[in-house]
Amino acid sequence: MDPRPTALVVDDDQALRLLCRVNLELEGFEVREAGSVPEALAALDAAAPDVMLLDVHLGREGSGDVLRQARAQGVPVAVVTGSADIDDYRDQADDVLAKPFRPDSLVAMARRLARVAS
């Protein structure tokens, strides 16, 4: 049996992390969560996920350090943002998902980036 793909959901909004967790777990992902830059960096240090869903604005902190570390580890990154200027993030990430999003769009993107068959 193949191990379950792992997704790291990084967002300071607990309700959004729960939404992502539930939908990804229903599709067979193991989900880890981080609500801040230090938590995200610690999660990446512990074990590289198959895909990371990263909010651009984590409270007062930016997500640049998290994005750089994930990229250095070869982790596919999807930036999830409510920012109007989502095109600014297309060069930095493997994909961009605008908030609000449909859960099936989130799952499809995570599966594609983690290279999980549907």
N, C-alpha and C. Protein backbone atom coordinates (compact mmCIF):
# COMPACT_ATOMS: atom_id res chain seq x y z
N MET A 1 0.83 -1.19 0.00
CA MET A 1 0.00 0.00 0.00
C MET A 1 0.88 1.25 0.00
N ASP A 2 0.55 2.21 -0.84
CA ASP A 2 1.30 3.46 -0.91
C ASP A 2 1.03 4.30 0.34
N PRO A 3 2.07 4.97 0.83
CA PRO A 3 1.82 5.87 1.96
C PRO A 3 0.96 7.05 1.50
N ARG A 4 0.24 7.60 2.45
CA ARG A 4 -0.61 8.76 2.12
C ARG A 4 0.27 9.97 1.83
N PRO A 5 -0.11 10.78 0.85
CA PRO A 5 0.64 12.02 0.60
C PRO A 5 0.42 12.98 1.77
N THR A 6 1.42 13.79 2.03
CA THR A 6 1.36 14.74 3.14
C THR A 6 1.23 16.16 2.61
N ALA A 7 0.30 16.90 3.20
CA ALA A 7 0.13 18.32 2.87
C ALA A 7 0.39 19.13 4.14
N LEU A 8 1.13 20.20 3.99
CA LEU A 8 1.34 21.16 5.08
C LEU A 8 0.51 22.39 4.75
N VAL A 9 -0.46 22.69 5.60
CA VAL A 9 -1.33 23.86 5.42
C VAL A 9 -0.84 24.95 6.36
N VAL A 10 -0.41 26.07 5.79
CA VAL A 10 0.15 27.17 6.57
C VAL A 10 -0.75 28.39 6.40
N ASP A 11 -1.49 28.72 7.47
CA ASP A 11 -2.40 29.86 7.44
C ASP A 11 -2.66 30.28 8.87
N ASP A 12 -2.75 31.57 9.12
CA ASP A 12 -3.02 32.04 10.47
C ASP A 12 -4.50 31.98 10.82
N ASP A 13 -5.34 31.64 9.87
CA ASP A 13 -6.78 31.52 10.10
C ASP A 13 -7.10 30.06 10.41
N GLN A 14 -7.44 29.79 11.68
CA GLN A 14 -7.69 28.42 12.12
C GLN A 14 -8.86 27.78 11.37
N ALA A 15 -9.91 28.55 11.10
CA ALA A 15 -11.07 28.01 10.39
C ALA A 15 -10.70 27.59 8.98
N LEU A 16 -9.85 28.37 8.32
CA LEU A 16 -9.42 28.00 6.97
C LEU A 16 -8.54 26.76 7.00
N ARG A 17 -7.67 26.65 8.01
CA ARG A 17 -6.86 25.43 8.13
C ARG A 17 -7.76 24.21 8.32
N LEU A 18 -8.81 24.36 9.11
CA LEU A 18 -9.74 23.24 9.33
C LEU A 18 -10.45 22.87 8.03
N LEU A 19 -10.90 23.85 7.28
CA LEU A 19 -11.54 23.59 5.99
C LEU A 19 -10.60 22.81 5.07
N CYS A 20 -9.36 23.25 4.99
CA CYS A 20 -8.37 22.56 4.16
C CYS A 20 -8.13 21.15 4.68
N ARG A 21 -7.95 21.02 5.99
CA ARG A 21 -7.69 19.71 6.59
C ARG A 21 -8.79 18.71 6.25
N VAL A 22 -10.03 19.09 6.50
CA VAL A 22 -11.15 18.18 6.28
C VAL A 22 -11.21 17.74 4.82
N ASN A 23 -11.12 18.68 3.91
CA ASN A 23 -11.23 18.34 2.49
C ASN A 23 -10.05 17.51 2.00
N LEU A 24 -8.86 17.81 2.46
CA LEU A 24 -7.70 17.04 2.03
C LEU A 24 -7.69 15.65 2.65
N GLU A 25 -8.08 15.55 3.92
CA GLU A 25 -8.13 14.23 4.56
C GLU A 25 -9.17 13.33 3.90
N LEU A 26 -10.29 13.91 3.48
CA LEU A 26 -11.30 13.13 2.78
C LEU A 26 -10.77 12.55 1.47
N GLU A 27 -9.75 13.19 0.92
CA GLU A 27 -9.14 12.72 -0.33
C GLU A 27 -7.87 11.91 -0.09
N GLY A 28 -7.62 11.52 1.15
CA GLY A 28 -6.51 10.62 1.43
C GLY A 28 -5.21 11.25 1.87
N PHE A 29 -5.18 12.57 2.03
CA PHE A 29 -3.96 13.23 2.47
C PHE A 29 -3.79 13.12 3.99
N GLU A 30 -2.56 13.06 4.41
CA GLU A 30 -2.22 13.30 5.80
C GLU A 30 -1.94 14.79 5.87
N VAL A 31 -2.55 15.48 6.82
CA VAL A 31 -2.43 16.94 6.87
C VAL A 31 -1.75 17.38 8.16
N ARG A 32 -0.75 18.25 7.98
CA ARG A 32 -0.12 18.93 9.11
C ARG A 32 -0.45 20.41 8.97
N GLU A 33 -0.51 21.11 10.08
CA GLU A 33 -0.89 22.52 10.06
C GLU A 33 0.15 23.38 10.76
N ALA A 34 0.22 24.62 10.31
CA ALA A 34 1.04 25.64 10.95
C ALA A 34 0.29 26.96 10.88
N GLY A 35 0.30 27.70 11.98
CA GLY A 35 -0.42 28.96 12.03
C GLY A 35 0.47 30.19 12.04
N SER A 36 1.79 29.97 11.95
CA SER A 36 2.73 31.09 11.98
C SER A 36 4.00 30.71 11.24
N VAL A 37 4.84 31.69 11.00
CA VAL A 37 6.12 31.43 10.32
C VAL A 37 6.98 30.47 11.14
N PRO A 38 7.17 30.70 12.44
CA PRO A 38 7.99 29.74 13.20
C PRO A 38 7.44 28.31 13.18
N GLU A 39 6.12 28.17 13.28
CA GLU A 39 5.52 26.83 13.22
C GLU A 39 5.75 26.19 11.85
N ALA A 40 5.63 26.96 10.79
CA ALA A 40 5.82 26.44 9.44
C ALA A 40 7.28 26.01 9.22
N LEU A 41 8.22 26.83 9.68
CA LEU A 41 9.63 26.49 9.53
C LEU A 41 9.96 25.23 10.33
N ALA A 42 9.40 25.11 11.52
CA ALA A 42 9.61 23.91 12.34
C ALA A 42 9.02 22.68 11.66
N ALA A 43 7.85 22.83 11.06
CA ALA A 43 7.22 21.70 10.36
C ALA A 43 8.05 21.27 9.16
N LEU A 44 8.61 22.23 8.45
CA LEU A 44 9.48 21.89 7.31
C LEU A 44 10.77 21.22 7.78
N ASP A 45 11.29 21.68 8.92
CA ASP A 45 12.50 21.06 9.47
C ASP A 45 12.24 19.62 9.89
N ALA A 46 11.04 19.36 10.42
CA ALA A 46 10.70 18.03 10.91
C ALA A 46 10.60 17.01 9.78
N ALA A 47 9.94 17.38 8.71
CA ALA A 47 9.77 16.47 7.57
C ALA A 47 9.18 17.24 6.40
N ALA A 48 9.77 17.08 5.24
CA ALA A 48 9.26 17.77 4.05
C ALA A 48 7.94 17.14 3.62
N PRO A 49 6.90 17.95 3.42
CA PRO A 49 5.63 17.42 2.93
C PRO A 49 5.69 17.20 1.42
N ASP A 50 4.67 16.55 0.90
CA ASP A 50 4.57 16.36 -0.55
C ASP A 50 4.08 17.63 -1.24
N VAL A 51 3.37 18.47 -0.50
CA VAL A 51 2.88 19.75 -1.01
C VAL A 51 2.63 20.68 0.17
N MET A 52 2.83 21.98 -0.07
CA MET A 52 2.54 22.97 0.96
C MET A 52 1.57 23.99 0.39
N LEU A 53 0.53 24.27 1.17
CA LEU A 53 -0.44 25.32 0.85
C LEU A 53 -0.13 26.48 1.78
N LEU A 54 0.32 27.59 1.23
CA LEU A 54 0.89 28.68 2.01
C LEU A 54 0.13 29.98 1.83
N ASP A 55 -0.40 30.49 2.95
CA ASP A 55 -1.00 31.82 2.93
C ASP A 55 0.13 32.85 2.84
N VAL A 56 -0.08 33.89 2.09
CA VAL A 56 0.95 34.90 1.89
C VAL A 56 1.14 35.76 3.14
N HIS A 57 0.06 36.10 3.79
CA HIS A 57 0.12 36.98 4.96
C HIS A 57 -0.22 36.17 6.21
N LEU A 58 0.78 35.99 7.05
CA LEU A 58 0.60 35.23 8.28
C LEU A 58 0.62 36.20 9.45
N GLY A 59 -0.53 36.80 9.73
CA GLY A 59 -0.57 37.85 10.75
C GLY A 59 0.26 39.01 10.29
N ARG A 60 1.18 39.44 11.12
CA ARG A 60 2.07 40.56 10.75
C ARG A 60 3.30 40.08 9.97
N GLU A 61 3.48 38.78 9.92
CA GLU A 61 4.66 38.24 9.27
C GLU A 61 4.39 37.90 7.81
N GLY A 62 5.38 38.06 7.00
CA GLY A 62 5.29 37.62 5.62
C GLY A 62 5.71 36.17 5.52
N SER A 63 5.42 35.55 4.42
CA SER A 63 5.71 34.12 4.27
C SER A 63 6.98 33.85 3.46
N GLY A 64 7.76 34.87 3.20
CA GLY A 64 8.95 34.72 2.35
C GLY A 64 9.94 33.68 2.84
N ASP A 65 10.23 33.66 4.14
CA ASP A 65 11.19 32.69 4.68
C ASP A 65 10.67 31.26 4.51
N VAL A 66 9.38 31.09 4.72
CA VAL A 66 8.78 29.76 4.59
C VAL A 66 8.85 29.31 3.13
N LEU A 67 8.51 30.20 2.23
CA LEU A 67 8.55 29.89 0.81
C LEU A 67 9.97 29.52 0.38
N ARG A 68 10.95 30.30 0.81
CA ARG A 68 12.35 30.02 0.44
C ARG A 68 12.81 28.66 0.97
N GLN A 69 12.46 28.34 2.21
CA GLN A 69 12.88 27.06 2.77
C GLN A 69 12.21 25.90 2.04
N ALA A 70 10.93 26.03 1.76
CA ALA A 70 10.22 24.97 1.04
C ALA A 70 10.84 24.76 -0.34
N ARG A 71 11.13 25.84 -1.03
CA ARG A 71 11.72 25.74 -2.37
C ARG A 71 13.09 25.06 -2.29
N ALA A 72 13.88 25.41 -1.26
CA ALA A 72 15.20 24.81 -1.09
C ALA A 72 15.10 23.30 -0.86
N GLN A 73 14.01 22.86 -0.25
CA GLN A 73 13.80 21.44 0.02
C GLN A 73 13.10 20.73 -1.14
N GLY A 74 12.74 21.46 -2.18
CA GLY A 74 12.07 20.86 -3.32
C GLY A 74 10.59 20.58 -3.10
N VAL A 75 9.99 21.25 -2.13
CA VAL A 75 8.57 21.05 -1.83
C VAL A 75 7.73 21.90 -2.78
N PRO A 76 6.78 21.30 -3.50
CA PRO A 76 5.87 22.09 -4.33
C PRO A 76 5.02 23.00 -3.44
N VAL A 77 4.90 24.26 -3.85
CA VAL A 77 4.19 25.25 -3.03
C VAL A 77 3.06 25.88 -3.83
N ALA A 78 1.89 25.89 -3.20
CA ALA A 78 0.75 26.63 -3.73
C ALA A 78 0.50 27.79 -2.79
N VAL A 79 0.58 28.99 -3.31
CA VAL A 79 0.26 30.17 -2.51
C VAL A 79 -1.25 30.34 -2.53
N VAL A 80 -1.81 30.46 -1.34
CA VAL A 80 -3.25 30.66 -1.18
C VAL A 80 -3.41 32.06 -0.61
N THR A 81 -4.09 32.93 -1.35
CA THR A 81 -4.13 34.33 -0.94
C THR A 81 -5.45 35.01 -1.24
N GLY A 82 -5.79 35.95 -0.40
CA GLY A 82 -6.94 36.81 -0.64
C GLY A 82 -6.50 38.13 -1.25
N SER A 83 -5.21 38.26 -1.51
CA SER A 83 -4.65 39.47 -2.07
C SER A 83 -5.14 39.69 -3.50
N ALA A 84 -5.40 40.92 -3.83
CA ALA A 84 -5.89 41.25 -5.17
C ALA A 84 -4.80 41.06 -6.23
N ASP A 85 -3.55 41.14 -5.80
CA ASP A 85 -2.44 41.06 -6.77
C ASP A 85 -1.84 39.66 -6.80
N ILE A 86 -2.67 38.65 -7.08
CA ILE A 86 -2.19 37.26 -7.06
C ILE A 86 -1.15 36.99 -8.13
N ASP A 87 -1.15 37.75 -9.20
CA ASP A 87 -0.16 37.53 -10.25
C ASP A 87 1.26 37.78 -9.74
N ASP A 88 1.41 38.58 -8.69
CA ASP A 88 2.73 38.83 -8.11
C ASP A 88 3.36 37.56 -7.57
N TYR A 89 2.55 36.55 -7.24
CA TYR A 89 3.06 35.34 -6.61
C TYR A 89 3.28 34.20 -7.60
N ARG A 90 2.86 34.37 -8.83
CA ARG A 90 2.98 33.28 -9.81
C ARG A 90 4.42 32.90 -10.11
N ASP A 91 5.35 33.84 -10.02
CA ASP A 91 6.76 33.54 -10.27
C ASP A 91 7.42 32.83 -9.10
N GLN A 92 6.84 32.98 -7.91
CA GLN A 92 7.46 32.45 -6.70
C GLN A 92 6.97 31.06 -6.32
N ALA A 93 5.80 30.68 -6.79
CA ALA A 93 5.19 29.42 -6.37
C ALA A 93 4.87 28.55 -7.57
N ASP A 94 4.53 27.30 -7.28
CA ASP A 94 4.15 26.38 -8.34
C ASP A 94 2.73 26.64 -8.83
N ASP A 95 1.91 27.21 -7.96
CA ASP A 95 0.54 27.55 -8.33
C ASP A 95 0.03 28.59 -7.35
N VAL A 96 -1.05 29.25 -7.72
CA VAL A 96 -1.68 30.26 -6.87
C VAL A 96 -3.17 29.98 -6.84
N LEU A 97 -3.75 30.04 -5.64
CA LEU A 97 -5.18 29.84 -5.47
C LEU A 97 -5.74 31.05 -4.73
N ALA A 98 -6.71 31.70 -5.33
CA ALA A 98 -7.29 32.90 -4.74
C ALA A 98 -8.37 32.54 -3.73
N LYS A 99 -8.36 33.23 -2.59
CA LYS A 99 -9.42 33.10 -1.59
C LYS A 99 -10.53 34.06 -1.99
N PRO A 100 -11.78 33.72 -1.81
CA PRO A 100 -12.26 32.41 -1.39
C PRO A 100 -12.14 31.42 -2.54
N PHE A 101 -12.01 30.15 -2.19
CA PHE A 101 -11.85 29.11 -3.19
C PHE A 101 -12.85 27.99 -2.95
N ARG A 102 -13.06 27.21 -3.98
CA ARG A 102 -13.92 26.03 -3.85
C ARG A 102 -13.07 24.88 -3.33
N PRO A 103 -13.57 24.12 -2.36
CA PRO A 103 -12.78 23.01 -1.83
C PRO A 103 -12.30 22.03 -2.89
N ASP A 104 -13.11 21.77 -3.92
CA ASP A 104 -12.66 20.84 -4.95
C ASP A 104 -11.49 21.41 -5.75
N SER A 105 -11.41 22.73 -5.88
CA SER A 105 -10.27 23.35 -6.55
C SER A 105 -9.00 23.19 -5.71
N LEU A 106 -9.14 23.35 -4.41
CA LEU A 106 -8.02 23.17 -3.49
C LEU A 106 -7.49 21.74 -3.59
N VAL A 107 -8.38 20.78 -3.51
CA VAL A 107 -7.98 19.37 -3.54
C VAL A 107 -7.33 19.02 -4.88
N ALA A 108 -7.91 19.47 -5.97
CA ALA A 108 -7.35 19.17 -7.29
C ALA A 108 -5.94 19.75 -7.43
N MET A 109 -5.75 20.96 -6.95
CA MET A 109 -4.43 21.59 -7.02
C MET A 109 -3.43 20.82 -6.15
N ALA A 110 -3.82 20.46 -4.93
CA ALA A 110 -2.93 19.72 -4.03
C ALA A 110 -2.55 18.37 -4.63
N ARG A 111 -3.52 17.69 -5.22
CA ARG A 111 -3.25 16.39 -5.84
C ARG A 111 -2.27 16.54 -7.00
N ARG A 112 -2.49 17.55 -7.82
CA ARG A 112 -1.62 17.77 -8.98
C ARG A 112 -0.19 18.08 -8.53
N LEU A 113 -0.04 18.98 -7.57
CA LEU A 113 1.30 19.38 -7.13
C LEU A 113 2.02 18.26 -6.39
N ALA A 114 1.26 17.47 -5.65
CA ALA A 114 1.86 16.34 -4.91
C ALA A 114 2.04 15.12 -5.81
N ARG A 115 1.57 15.25 -7.07
CA ARG A 115 1.64 14.17 -8.05
C ARG A 115 0.92 12.91 -7.56
N VAL A 116 -0.32 13.15 -7.10
CA VAL A 116 -1.18 12.07 -6.64
C VAL A 116 -2.22 11.80 -7.72
N ALA A 117 -2.36 10.56 -8.10
CA ALA A 117 -3.37 10.21 -9.11
C ALA A 117 -4.77 10.43 -8.56
N SER A 118 -5.67 10.84 -9.46
CA SER A 118 -7.04 11.06 -8.99
C SER A 118 -7.85 9.79 -9.00
